[in-house]
Amino acid sequence: MTLRSGAIWSHQLYAFSRESWNSELKKMEKFIASDGKTTTVQAYTQLNYKLSEKLTANLGIHSLALLLNNSHTLEPRASLKWDFKIRTTAGYRLWTSQPNAATRPLFLFE
């Protein structure tokens, strides 16, 4: 059994612009122009537990805060991994992502 926890602090500079062609005026028009800086703060904890010789479970939680607009997410994480012992593993991962909190499954072969 392994328990890991951590935090990530990131500071970003950004420059964002959006333009589109105005066919009536026959020219490009800029309708969004913004630049600035922001910070994201992430924290996570996860537990990796070997259920059997071939089956491993990973359970955790991940949090992300964007300080630009004070938005926050809290996302549960879970995965199962089966080891075939022939240099191939199969896994199933389930996580949610804000703002719609839709569950997105993913099946992998590595």
PDB file of N, CA and C in Angstrom:
ATOM      1  N   MET A   1       0.858  -1.176   0.000  1.00  0.00           N
ATOM      2  CA  MET A   1       0.000   0.000   0.000  1.00  0.00           C
ATOM      3  C   MET A   1       0.901   1.235   0.000  1.00  0.00           C
ATOM      4  N   THR A   2       0.563   2.174  -0.856  1.00  0.00           N
ATOM      5  CA  THR A   2       1.326   3.412  -0.960  1.00  0.00           C
ATOM      6  C   THR A   2       0.371   4.596  -0.915  1.00  0.00           C
ATOM      7  N   LEU A   3       0.670   5.570  -0.075  1.00  0.00           N
ATOM      8  CA  LEU A   3      -0.122   6.798   0.014  1.00  0.00           C
ATOM      9  C   LEU A   3       0.759   7.954  -0.434  1.00  0.00           C
ATOM     10  N   ARG A   4       0.283   8.709  -1.421  1.00  0.00           N
ATOM     11  CA  ARG A   4       1.015   9.868  -1.911  1.00  0.00           C
ATOM     12  C   ARG A   4       0.119  11.094  -1.828  1.00  0.00           C
ATOM     13  N   SER A   5       0.700  12.202  -1.430  1.00  0.00           N
ATOM     14  CA  SER A   5      -0.007  13.480  -1.388  1.00  0.00           C
ATOM     15  C   SER A   5       0.943  14.558  -1.871  1.00  0.00           C
ATOM     16  N   GLY A   6       0.368  15.632  -2.385  1.00  0.00           N
ATOM     17  CA  GLY A   6       1.224  16.711  -2.847  1.00  0.00           C
ATOM     18  C   GLY A   6       0.427  17.941  -3.216  1.00  0.00           C
ATOM     19  N   ALA A   7       1.168  18.985  -3.560  1.00  0.00           N
ATOM     20  CA  ALA A   7       0.563  20.246  -3.971  1.00  0.00           C
ATOM     21  C   ALA A   7       1.417  20.848  -5.073  1.00  0.00           C
ATOM     22  N   ILE A   8       0.754  21.585  -5.957  1.00  0.00           N
ATOM     23  CA  ILE A   8       1.427  22.247  -7.073  1.00  0.00           C
ATOM     24  C   ILE A   8       0.931  23.692  -7.121  1.00  0.00           C
ATOM     25  N   TRP A   9       1.859  24.631  -7.137  1.00  0.00           N
ATOM     26  CA  TRP A   9       1.537  26.049  -7.256  1.00  0.00           C
ATOM     27  C   TRP A   9       2.112  26.512  -8.586  1.00  0.00           C
ATOM     28  N   SER A  10       1.280  27.064  -9.471  1.00  0.00           N
ATOM     29  CA  SER A  10       1.746  27.512 -10.786  1.00  0.00           C
ATOM     30  C   SER A  10       1.323  28.949 -11.028  1.00  0.00           C
ATOM     31  N   HIS A  11       2.245  29.717 -11.536  1.00  0.00           N
ATOM     32  CA  HIS A  11       1.964  31.106 -11.888  1.00  0.00           C
ATOM     33  C   HIS A  11       2.073  31.220 -13.404  1.00  0.00           C
ATOM     34  N   GLN A  12       1.032  31.713 -14.054  1.00  0.00           N
ATOM     35  CA  GLN A  12       1.008  31.799 -15.510  1.00  0.00           C
ATOM     36  C   GLN A  12       0.806  33.231 -15.979  1.00  0.00           C
ATOM     37  N   LEU A  13       1.510  33.576 -17.033  1.00  0.00           N
ATOM     38  CA  LEU A  13       1.257  34.813 -17.770  1.00  0.00           C
ATOM     39  C   LEU A  13       0.475  34.415 -19.016  1.00  0.00           C
ATOM     40  N   TYR A  14      -0.463  35.238 -19.430  1.00  0.00           N
ATOM     41  CA  TYR A  14      -1.234  34.888 -20.619  1.00  0.00           C
ATOM     42  C   TYR A  14      -1.474  36.105 -21.493  1.00  0.00           C
ATOM     43  N   ALA A  15      -1.621  35.835 -22.769  1.00  0.00           N
ATOM     44  CA  ALA A  15      -2.030  36.826 -23.763  1.00  0.00           C
ATOM     45  C   ALA A  15      -3.052  36.113 -24.642  1.00  0.00           C
ATOM     46  N   PHE A  16      -4.252  36.611 -24.680  1.00  0.00           N
ATOM     47  CA  PHE A  16      -5.325  35.955 -25.410  1.00  0.00           C
ATOM     48  C   PHE A  16      -5.990  36.963 -26.330  1.00  0.00           C
ATOM     49  N   SER A  17      -6.184  36.544 -27.576  1.00  0.00           N
ATOM     50  CA  SER A  17      -6.931  37.392 -28.504  1.00  0.00           C
ATOM     51  C   SER A  17      -7.753  36.496 -29.417  1.00  0.00           C
ATOM     52  N   ARG A  18      -8.820  37.044 -29.888  1.00  0.00           N
ATOM     53  CA  ARG A  18      -9.706  36.303 -30.797  1.00  0.00           C
ATOM     54  C   ARG A  18     -10.118  37.243 -31.911  1.00  0.00           C
ATOM     55  N   GLU A  19      -9.933  36.785 -33.133  1.00  0.00           N
ATOM     56  CA  GLU A  19     -10.294  37.575 -34.297  1.00  0.00           C
ATOM     57  C   GLU A  19     -11.154  36.749 -35.234  1.00  0.00           C
ATOM     58  N   SER A  20     -11.934  37.426 -36.026  1.00  0.00           N
ATOM     59  CA  SER A  20     -12.694  36.741 -37.063  1.00  0.00           C
ATOM     60  C   SER A  20     -12.833  37.670 -38.269  1.00  0.00           C
ATOM     61  N   TRP A  21     -13.096  37.056 -39.408  1.00  0.00           N
ATOM     62  CA  TRP A  21     -13.238  37.809 -40.650  1.00  0.00           C
ATOM     63  C   TRP A  21     -14.643  38.374 -40.745  1.00  0.00           C
ATOM     64  N   ASN A  22     -14.729  39.664 -40.923  1.00  0.00           N
ATOM     65  CA  ASN A  22     -16.002  40.337 -41.147  1.00  0.00           C
ATOM     66  C   ASN A  22     -16.169  40.481 -42.655  1.00  0.00           C
ATOM     67  N   SER A  23     -17.071  39.665 -43.222  1.00  0.00           N
ATOM     68  CA  SER A  23     -17.222  39.650 -44.682  1.00  0.00           C
ATOM     69  C   SER A  23     -17.866  40.933 -45.205  1.00  0.00           C
ATOM     70  N   GLU A  24     -18.674  41.606 -44.393  1.00  0.00           N
ATOM     71  CA  GLU A  24     -19.290  42.852 -44.847  1.00  0.00           C
ATOM     72  C   GLU A  24     -18.250  43.968 -44.944  1.00  0.00           C
ATOM     73  N   LEU A  25     -17.369  44.048 -43.936  1.00  0.00           N
ATOM     74  CA  LEU A  25     -16.333  45.083 -43.941  1.00  0.00           C
ATOM     75  C   LEU A  25     -15.068  44.629 -44.655  1.00  0.00           C
ATOM     76  N   LYS A  26     -15.009  43.335 -44.975  1.00  0.00           N
ATOM     77  CA  LYS A  26     -13.864  42.738 -45.656  1.00  0.00           C
ATOM     78  C   LYS A  26     -12.554  42.996 -44.905  1.00  0.00           C
ATOM     79  N   LYS A  27     -12.608  42.708 -43.608  1.00  0.00           N
ATOM     80  CA  LYS A  27     -11.398  42.843 -42.802  1.00  0.00           C
ATOM     81  C   LYS A  27     -11.516  41.976 -41.546  1.00  0.00           C
ATOM     82  N   MET A  28     -10.366  41.726 -40.951  1.00  0.00           N
ATOM     83  CA  MET A  28     -10.330  40.994 -39.684  1.00  0.00           C
ATOM     84  C   MET A  28     -10.732  41.935 -38.560  1.00  0.00           C
ATOM     85  N   GLU A  29     -11.552  41.410 -37.639  1.00  0.00           N
ATOM     86  CA  GLU A  29     -11.953  42.199 -36.477  1.00  0.00           C
ATOM     87  C   GLU A  29     -11.549  41.459 -35.207  1.00  0.00           C
ATOM     88  N   LYS A  30     -10.921  42.172 -34.326  1.00  0.00           N
ATOM     89  CA  LYS A  30     -10.534  41.614 -33.035  1.00  0.00           C
ATOM     90  C   LYS A  30     -11.657  41.915 -32.055  1.00  0.00           C
ATOM     91  N   PHE A  31     -12.226  40.879 -31.448  1.00  0.00           N
ATOM     92  CA  PHE A  31     -13.307  41.122 -30.498  1.00  0.00           C
ATOM     93  C   PHE A  31     -12.965  40.681 -29.086  1.00  0.00           C
ATOM     94  N   ILE A  32     -11.820  40.047 -28.894  1.00  0.00           N
ATOM     95  CA  ILE A  32     -11.329  39.752 -27.549  1.00  0.00           C
ATOM     96  C   ILE A  32      -9.836  40.023 -27.552  1.00  0.00           C
ATOM     97  N   ALA A  33      -9.381  40.792 -26.570  1.00  0.00           N
ATOM     98  CA  ALA A  33      -7.951  41.036 -26.394  1.00  0.00           C
ATOM     99  C   ALA A  33      -7.704  41.191 -24.892  1.00  0.00           C
ATOM    100  N   SER A  34      -6.929  40.281 -24.354  1.00  0.00           N
ATOM    101  CA  SER A  34      -6.679  40.319 -22.918  1.00  0.00           C
ATOM    102  C   SER A  34      -5.290  39.760 -22.632  1.00  0.00           C
ATOM    103  N   ASP A  35      -4.626  40.353 -21.679  1.00  0.00           N
ATOM    104  CA  ASP A  35      -3.387  39.781 -21.184  1.00  0.00           C
ATOM    105  C   ASP A  35      -3.300  40.041 -19.685  1.00  0.00           C
ATOM    106  N   GLY A  36      -2.539  39.212 -19.022  1.00  0.00           N
ATOM    107  CA  GLY A  36      -2.429  39.352 -17.581  1.00  0.00           C
ATOM    108  C   GLY A  36      -1.688  38.183 -16.970  1.00  0.00           C
ATOM    109  N   LYS A  37      -1.996  37.912 -15.720  1.00  0.00           N
ATOM    110  CA  LYS A  37      -1.366  36.804 -15.016  1.00  0.00           C
ATOM    111  C   LYS A  37      -2.367  36.184 -14.056  1.00  0.00           C
ATOM    112  N   THR A  38      -2.137  34.937 -13.741  1.00  0.00           N
ATOM    113  CA  THR A  38      -3.001  34.227 -12.802  1.00  0.00           C
ATOM    114  C   THR A  38      -2.206  33.118 -12.121  1.00  0.00           C
ATOM    115  N   THR A  39      -2.808  32.512 -11.146  1.00  0.00           N
ATOM    116  CA  THR A  39      -2.183  31.432 -10.389  1.00  0.00           C
ATOM    117  C   THR A  39      -3.161  30.283 -10.269  1.00  0.00           C
ATOM    118  N   THR A  40      -2.638  29.071 -10.382  1.00  0.00           N
ATOM    119  CA  THR A  40      -3.425  27.877 -10.085  1.00  0.00           C
ATOM    120  C   THR A  40      -2.768  27.162  -8.913  1.00  0.00           C
ATOM    121  N   VAL A  41      -3.609  26.593  -8.060  1.00  0.00           N
ATOM    122  CA  VAL A  41      -3.147  25.822  -6.918  1.00  0.00           C
ATOM    123  C   VAL A  41      -3.835  24.464  -6.994  1.00  0.00           C
ATOM    124  N   GLN A  42      -3.042  23.392  -6.956  1.00  0.00           N
ATOM    125  CA  GLN A  42      -3.577  22.036  -7.003  1.00  0.00           C
ATOM    126  C   GLN A  42      -3.116  21.268  -5.769  1.00  0.00           C
ATOM    127  N   ALA A  43      -3.982  20.404  -5.286  1.00  0.00           N
ATOM    128  CA  ALA A  43      -3.619  19.506  -4.188  1.00  0.00           C
ATOM    129  C   ALA A  43      -4.218  18.139  -4.500  1.00  0.00           C
ATOM    130  N   TYR A  44      -3.511  17.092  -4.107  1.00  0.00           N
ATOM    131  CA  TYR A  44      -4.004  15.746  -4.388  1.00  0.00           C
ATOM    132  C   TYR A  44      -3.543  14.794  -3.298  1.00  0.00           C
ATOM    133  N   THR A  45      -4.271  13.714  -3.180  1.00  0.00           N
ATOM    134  CA  THR A  45      -3.844  12.577  -2.381  1.00  0.00           C
ATOM    135  C   THR A  45      -4.362  11.324  -3.070  1.00  0.00           C
ATOM    136  N   GLN A  46      -3.555  10.267  -3.061  1.00  0.00           N
ATOM    137  CA  GLN A  46      -3.982   9.028  -3.702  1.00  0.00           C
ATOM    138  C   GLN A  46      -3.415   7.834  -2.946  1.00  0.00           C
ATOM    139  N   LEU A  47      -4.197   6.778  -2.941  1.00  0.00           N
ATOM    140  CA  LEU A  47      -3.830   5.528  -2.289  1.00  0.00           C
ATOM    141  C   LEU A  47      -3.728   4.451  -3.352  1.00  0.00           C
ATOM    142  N   ASN A  48      -2.593   3.799  -3.437  1.00  0.00           N
ATOM    143  CA  ASN A  48      -2.362   2.703  -4.368  1.00  0.00           C
ATOM    144  C   ASN A  48      -2.328   1.425  -3.532  1.00  0.00           C
ATOM    145  N   TYR A  49      -3.276   0.504  -3.789  1.00  0.00           N
ATOM    146  CA  TYR A  49      -3.412  -0.691  -2.955  1.00  0.00           C
ATOM    147  C   TYR A  49      -3.485  -1.933  -3.837  1.00  0.00           C
ATOM    148  N   LYS A  50      -2.611  -2.887  -3.570  1.00  0.00           N
ATOM    149  CA  LYS A  50      -2.580  -4.135  -4.335  1.00  0.00           C
ATOM    150  C   LYS A  50      -3.621  -5.084  -3.746  1.00  0.00           C
ATOM    151  N   LEU A  51      -4.712  -5.312  -4.488  1.00  0.00           N
ATOM    152  CA  LEU A  51      -5.801  -6.169  -4.026  1.00  0.00           C
ATOM    153  C   LEU A  51      -5.446  -7.649  -4.144  1.00  0.00           C
ATOM    154  N   SER A  52      -4.647  -7.983  -5.158  1.00  0.00           N
ATOM    155  CA  SER A  52      -4.185  -9.356  -5.364  1.00  0.00           C
ATOM    156  C   SER A  52      -2.868  -9.290  -6.127  1.00  0.00           C
ATOM    157  N   GLU A  53      -2.336 -10.435  -6.493  1.00  0.00           N
ATOM    158  CA  GLU A  53      -1.075 -10.483  -7.244  1.00  0.00           C
ATOM    159  C   GLU A  53      -1.176  -9.739  -8.576  1.00  0.00           C
ATOM    160  N   LYS A  54      -2.371  -9.746  -9.186  1.00  0.00           N
ATOM    161  CA  LYS A  54      -2.544  -9.140 -10.502  1.00  0.00           C
ATOM    162  C   LYS A  54      -3.403  -7.883 -10.520  1.00  0.00           C
ATOM    163  N   LEU A  55      -4.132  -7.607  -9.456  1.00  0.00           N
ATOM    164  CA  LEU A  55      -5.091  -6.500  -9.445  1.00  0.00           C
ATOM    165  C   LEU A  55      -4.664  -5.421  -8.457  1.00  0.00           C
ATOM    166  N   THR A  56      -4.572  -4.179  -8.970  1.00  0.00           N
ATOM    167  CA  THR A  56      -4.197  -3.030  -8.151  1.00  0.00           C
ATOM    168  C   THR A  56      -5.275  -1.958  -8.259  1.00  0.00           C
ATOM    169  N   ALA A  57      -5.645  -1.365  -7.129  1.00  0.00           N
ATOM    170  CA  ALA A  57      -6.620  -0.265  -7.094  1.00  0.00           C
ATOM    171  C   ALA A  57      -5.897   1.026  -6.730  1.00  0.00           C
ATOM    172  N   ASN A  58      -6.336   2.108  -7.342  1.00  0.00           N
ATOM    173  CA  ASN A  58      -5.804   3.420  -7.037  1.00  0.00           C
ATOM    174  C   ASN A  58      -7.001   4.328  -6.771  1.00  0.00           C
ATOM    175  N   LEU A  59      -7.077   4.887  -5.572  1.00  0.00           N
ATOM    176  CA  LEU A  59      -8.173   5.775  -5.175  1.00  0.00           C
ATOM    177  C   LEU A  59      -7.581   7.109  -4.746  1.00  0.00           C
ATOM    178  N   GLY A  60      -8.259   8.189  -5.086  1.00  0.00           N
ATOM    179  CA  GLY A  60      -7.719   9.486  -4.697  1.00  0.00           C
ATOM    180  C   GLY A  60      -8.696  10.613  -4.893  1.00  0.00           C
ATOM    181  N   ILE A  61      -8.197  11.797  -4.590  1.00  0.00           N
ATOM    182  CA  ILE A  61      -8.977  13.020  -4.763  1.00  0.00           C
ATOM    183  C   ILE A  61      -8.026  14.117  -5.231  1.00  0.00           C
ATOM    184  N   HIS A  62      -8.524  14.970  -6.120  1.00  0.00           N
ATOM    185  CA  HIS A  62      -7.716  16.042  -6.698  1.00  0.00           C
ATOM    186  C   HIS A  62      -8.502  17.341  -6.609  1.00  0.00           C
ATOM    187  N   SER A  63      -7.830  18.403  -6.200  1.00  0.00           N
ATOM    188  CA  SER A  63      -8.454  19.713  -6.102  1.00  0.00           C
ATOM    189  C   SER A  63      -7.665  20.702  -6.941  1.00  0.00           C
ATOM    190  N   LEU A  64      -8.384  21.597  -7.608  1.00  0.00           N
ATOM    191  CA  LEU A  64      -7.751  22.626  -8.428  1.00  0.00           C
ATOM    192  C   LEU A  64      -8.452  23.945  -8.176  1.00  0.00           C
ATOM    193  N   ALA A  65      -7.679  25.001  -7.944  1.00  0.00           N
ATOM    194  CA  ALA A  65      -8.230  26.347  -7.758  1.00  0.00           C
ATOM    195  C   ALA A  65      -7.573  27.278  -8.766  1.00  0.00           C
ATOM    196  N   LEU A  66      -8.394  28.020  -9.503  1.00  0.00           N
ATOM    197  CA  LEU A  66      -7.915  29.058 -10.415  1.00  0.00           C
ATOM    198  C   LEU A  66      -8.185  30.394  -9.742  1.00  0.00           C
ATOM    199  N   LEU A  67      -7.121  31.102  -9.358  1.00  0.00           N
ATOM    200  CA  LEU A  67      -7.279  32.321  -8.584  1.00  0.00           C
ATOM    201  C   LEU A  67      -7.749  33.509  -9.420  1.00  0.00           C
ATOM    202  N   LEU A  68      -7.661  33.411 -10.751  1.00  0.00           N
ATOM    203  CA  LEU A  68      -8.114  34.486 -11.627  1.00  0.00           C
ATOM    204  C   LEU A  68      -9.590  34.805 -11.391  1.00  0.00           C
ATOM    205  N   ASN A  69     -10.421  33.770 -11.282  1.00  0.00           N
ATOM    206  CA  ASN A  69     -11.858  33.979 -11.080  1.00  0.00           C
ATOM    207  C   ASN A  69     -12.383  33.259  -9.841  1.00  0.00           C
ATOM    208  N   ASN A  70     -11.482  32.822  -8.965  1.00  0.00           N
ATOM    209  CA  ASN A  70     -11.839  32.127  -7.721  1.00  0.00           C
ATOM    210  C   ASN A  70     -12.694  30.889  -7.963  1.00  0.00           C
ATOM    211  N   SER A  71     -12.410  30.155  -9.031  1.00  0.00           N
ATOM    212  CA  SER A  71     -13.141  28.914  -9.270  1.00  0.00           C
ATOM    213  C   SER A  71     -12.365  27.746  -8.672  1.00  0.00           C
ATOM    214  N   HIS A  72     -13.100  26.740  -8.209  1.00  0.00           N
ATOM    215  CA  HIS A  72     -12.505  25.591  -7.537  1.00  0.00           C
ATOM    216  C   HIS A  72     -13.166  24.311  -8.033  1.00  0.00           C
ATOM    217  N   THR A  73     -12.404  23.236  -8.080  1.00  0.00           N
ATOM    218  CA  THR A  73     -12.962  21.923  -8.368  1.00  0.00           C
ATOM    219  C   THR A  73     -12.450  20.937  -7.326  1.00  0.00           C
ATOM    220  N   LEU A  74     -13.232  19.921  -7.091  1.00  0.00           N
ATOM    221  CA  LEU A  74     -12.845  18.813  -6.225  1.00  0.00           C
ATOM    222  C   LEU A  74     -13.273  17.547  -6.953  1.00  0.00           C
ATOM    223  N   GLU A  75     -12.303  16.736  -7.371  1.00  0.00           N
ATOM    224  CA  GLU A  75     -12.576  15.607  -8.249  1.00  0.00           C
ATOM    225  C   GLU A  75     -12.126  14.294  -7.623  1.00  0.00           C
ATOM    226  N   PRO A  76     -13.043  13.340  -7.465  1.00  0.00           N
ATOM    227  CA  PRO A  76     -12.615  12.004  -7.021  1.00  0.00           C
ATOM    228  C   PRO A  76     -11.951  11.258  -8.174  1.00  0.00           C
ATOM    229  N   ARG A  77     -11.020  10.392  -7.861  1.00  0.00           N
ATOM    230  CA  ARG A  77     -10.322   9.594  -8.864  1.00  0.00           C
ATOM    231  C   ARG A  77     -10.328   8.134  -8.428  1.00  0.00           C
ATOM    232  N   ALA A  78     -10.466   7.227  -9.380  1.00  0.00           N
ATOM    233  CA  ALA A  78     -10.418   5.796  -9.072  1.00  0.00           C
ATOM    234  C   ALA A  78      -9.956   5.048 -10.317  1.00  0.00           C
ATOM    235  N   SER A  79      -9.153   4.018 -10.096  1.00  0.00           N
ATOM    236  CA  SER A  79      -8.737   3.174 -11.216  1.00  0.00           C
ATOM    237  C   SER A  79      -8.448   1.766 -10.713  1.00  0.00           C
ATOM    238  N   LEU A  80      -8.592   0.809 -11.640  1.00  0.00           N
ATOM    239  CA  LEU A  80      -8.223  -0.582 -11.405  1.00  0.00           C
ATOM    240  C   LEU A  80      -7.247  -0.977 -12.494  1.00  0.00           C
ATOM    241  N   LYS A  81      -6.221  -1.736 -12.125  1.00  0.00           N
ATOM    242  CA  LYS A  81      -5.227  -2.178 -13.092  1.00  0.00           C
ATOM    243  C   LYS A  81      -5.027  -3.685 -12.941  1.00  0.00           C
ATOM    244  N   TRP A  82      -5.103  -4.393 -14.072  1.00  0.00           N
ATOM    245  CA  TRP A  82      -4.907  -5.848 -14.106  1.00  0.00           C
ATOM    246  C   TRP A  82      -3.600  -6.125 -14.835  1.00  0.00           C
ATOM    247  N   ASP A  83      -2.716  -6.877 -14.211  1.00  0.00           N
ATOM    248  CA  ASP A  83      -1.419  -7.210 -14.791  1.00  0.00           C
ATOM    249  C   ASP A  83      -1.479  -8.615 -15.381  1.00  0.00           C
ATOM    250  N   PHE A  84      -1.310  -8.730 -16.706  1.00  0.00           N
ATOM    251  CA  PHE A  84      -1.391 -10.013 -17.395  1.00  0.00           C
ATOM    252  C   PHE A  84      -0.082 -10.803 -17.353  1.00  0.00           C
ATOM    253  N   LYS A  85       0.993 -10.189 -16.882  1.00  0.00           N
ATOM    254  CA  LYS A  85       2.316 -10.817 -16.797  1.00  0.00           C
ATOM    255  C   LYS A  85       2.905 -11.163 -18.160  1.00  0.00           C
ATOM    256  N   ILE A  86       2.430 -10.531 -19.203  1.00  0.00           N
ATOM    257  CA  ILE A  86       3.010 -10.729 -20.529  1.00  0.00           C
ATOM    258  C   ILE A  86       3.343  -9.360 -21.134  1.00  0.00           C
ATOM    259  N   ARG A  87       3.864  -8.487 -20.291  1.00  0.00           N
ATOM    260  CA  ARG A  87       4.219  -7.121 -20.667  1.00  0.00           C
ATOM    261  C   ARG A  87       3.024  -6.305 -21.128  1.00  0.00           C
ATOM    262  N   THR A  88       1.850  -6.662 -20.706  1.00  0.00           N
ATOM    263  CA  THR A  88       0.638  -5.936 -21.036  1.00  0.00           C
ATOM    264  C   THR A  88      -0.202  -5.785 -19.779  1.00  0.00           C
ATOM    265  N   THR A  89      -0.734  -4.610 -19.594  1.00  0.00           N
ATOM    266  CA  THR A  89      -1.668  -4.375 -18.494  1.00  0.00           C
ATOM    267  C   THR A  89      -2.915  -3.727 -19.059  1.00  0.00           C
ATOM    268  N   ALA A  90      -4.026  -3.955 -18.401  1.00  0.00           N
ATOM    269  CA  ALA A  90      -5.281  -3.304 -18.772  1.00  0.00           C
ATOM    270  C   ALA A  90      -5.747  -2.518 -17.565  1.00  0.00           C
ATOM    271  N   GLY A  91      -6.315  -1.370 -17.815  1.00  0.00           N
ATOM    272  CA  GLY A  91      -6.782  -0.546 -16.714  1.00  0.00           C
ATOM    273  C   GLY A  91      -8.117   0.085 -17.023  1.00  0.00           C
ATOM    274  N   TYR A  92      -8.798   0.461 -15.987  1.00  0.00           N
ATOM    275  CA  TYR A  92     -10.059   1.179 -16.114  1.00  0.00           C
ATOM    276  C   TYR A  92      -9.995   2.357 -15.169  1.00  0.00           C
ATOM    277  N   ARG A  93     -10.215   3.548 -15.701  1.00  0.00           N
ATOM    278  CA  ARG A  93     -10.106   4.755 -14.894  1.00  0.00           C
ATOM    279  C   ARG A  93     -11.424   5.504 -14.949  1.00  0.00           C
ATOM    280  N   LEU A  94     -11.809   6.065 -13.842  1.00  0.00           N
ATOM    281  CA  LEU A  94     -13.060   6.820 -13.739  1.00  0.00           C
ATOM    282  C   LEU A  94     -12.756   8.118 -13.010  1.00  0.00           C
ATOM    283  N   TRP A  95     -13.122   9.241 -13.606  1.00  0.00           N
ATOM    284  CA  TRP A  95     -12.914  10.517 -12.948  1.00  0.00           C
ATOM    285  C   TRP A  95     -14.008  11.474 -13.361  1.00  0.00           C
ATOM    286  N   THR A  96     -14.129  12.562 -12.638  1.00  0.00           N
ATOM    287  CA  THR A  96     -15.094  13.601 -12.978  1.00  0.00           C
ATOM    288  C   THR A  96     -14.332  14.883 -13.234  1.00  0.00           C
ATOM    289  N   SER A  97     -14.949  15.777 -13.953  1.00  0.00           N
ATOM    290  CA  SER A  97     -14.328  17.052 -14.250  1.00  0.00           C
ATOM    291  C   SER A  97     -15.397  18.137 -14.168  1.00  0.00           C
ATOM    292  N   GLN A  98     -15.138  19.166 -13.427  1.00  0.00           N
ATOM    293  CA  GLN A  98     -16.065  20.272 -13.303  1.00  0.00           C
ATOM    294  C   GLN A  98     -15.979  21.104 -14.580  1.00  0.00           C
ATOM    295  N   PRO A  99     -16.913  21.937 -14.989  1.00  0.00           N
ATOM    296  CA  PRO A  99     -18.087  22.280 -14.223  1.00  0.00           C
ATOM    297  C   PRO A  99     -19.277  21.339 -14.391  1.00  0.00           C
ATOM    298  N   ASN A 100     -19.271  20.454 -15.381  1.00  0.00           N
ATOM    299  CA  ASN A 100     -20.456  19.635 -15.612  1.00  0.00           C
ATOM    300  C   ASN A 100     -20.442  18.334 -14.821  1.00  0.00           C
ATOM    301  N   ALA A 101     -19.337  17.990 -14.173  1.00  0.00           N
ATOM    302  CA  ALA A 101     -19.220  16.798 -13.327  1.00  0.00           C
ATOM    303  C   ALA A 101     -19.646  15.521 -14.040  1.00  0.00           C
ATOM    304  N   ALA A 102     -19.442  15.482 -15.345  1.00  0.00           N
ATOM    305  CA  ALA A 102     -19.785  14.286 -16.111  1.00  0.00           C
ATOM    306  C   ALA A 102     -18.741  13.202 -15.859  1.00  0.00           C
ATOM    307  N   THR A 103     -19.165  11.997 -15.707  1.00  0.00           N
ATOM    308  CA  THR A 103     -18.251  10.886 -15.497  1.00  0.00           C
ATOM    309  C   THR A 103     -17.736  10.413 -16.837  1.00  0.00           C
ATOM    310  N   ARG A 104     -16.416  10.275 -16.937  1.00  0.00           N
ATOM    311  CA  ARG A 104     -15.801   9.880 -18.198  1.00  0.00           C
ATOM    312  C   ARG A 104     -14.961   8.628 -17.983  1.00  0.00           C
ATOM    313  N   PRO A 105     -15.417   7.469 -18.449  1.00  0.00           N
ATOM    314  CA  PRO A 105     -14.610   6.255 -18.309  1.00  0.00           C
ATOM    315  C   PRO A 105     -13.547   6.187 -19.410  1.00  0.00           C
ATOM    316  N   LEU A 106     -12.475   5.471 -19.110  1.00  0.00           N
ATOM    317  CA  LEU A 106     -11.408   5.290 -20.073  1.00  0.00           C
ATOM    318  C   LEU A 106     -10.833   3.890 -19.889  1.00  0.00           C
ATOM    319  N   PHE A 107     -10.741   3.135 -20.961  1.00  0.00           N
ATOM    320  CA  PHE A 107     -10.174   1.795 -20.912  1.00  0.00           C
ATOM    321  C   PHE A 107      -8.848   1.840 -21.660  1.00  0.00           C
ATOM    322  N   LEU A 108      -7.786   1.357 -21.043  1.00  0.00           N
ATOM    323  CA  LEU A 108      -6.451   1.479 -21.600  1.00  0.00           C
ATOM    324  C   LEU A 108      -5.746   0.164 -21.743  1.00  0.00           C
ATOM    325  N   PHE A 109      -4.938   0.047 -22.754  1.00  0.00           N
ATOM    326  CA  PHE A 109      -3.944  -1.013 -22.850  1.00  0.00           C
ATOM    327  C   PHE A 109      -2.599  -0.332 -22.962  1.00  0.00           C
ATOM    328  N   GLU A 110      -1.660  -0.699 -22.113  1.00  0.00           N
ATOM    329  CA  GLU A 110      -0.340  -0.075 -22.119  1.00  0.00           C
ATOM    330  C   GLU A 110       0.680  -1.039 -22.676  1.00  0.00           C
TER     331      GLU A 110
END
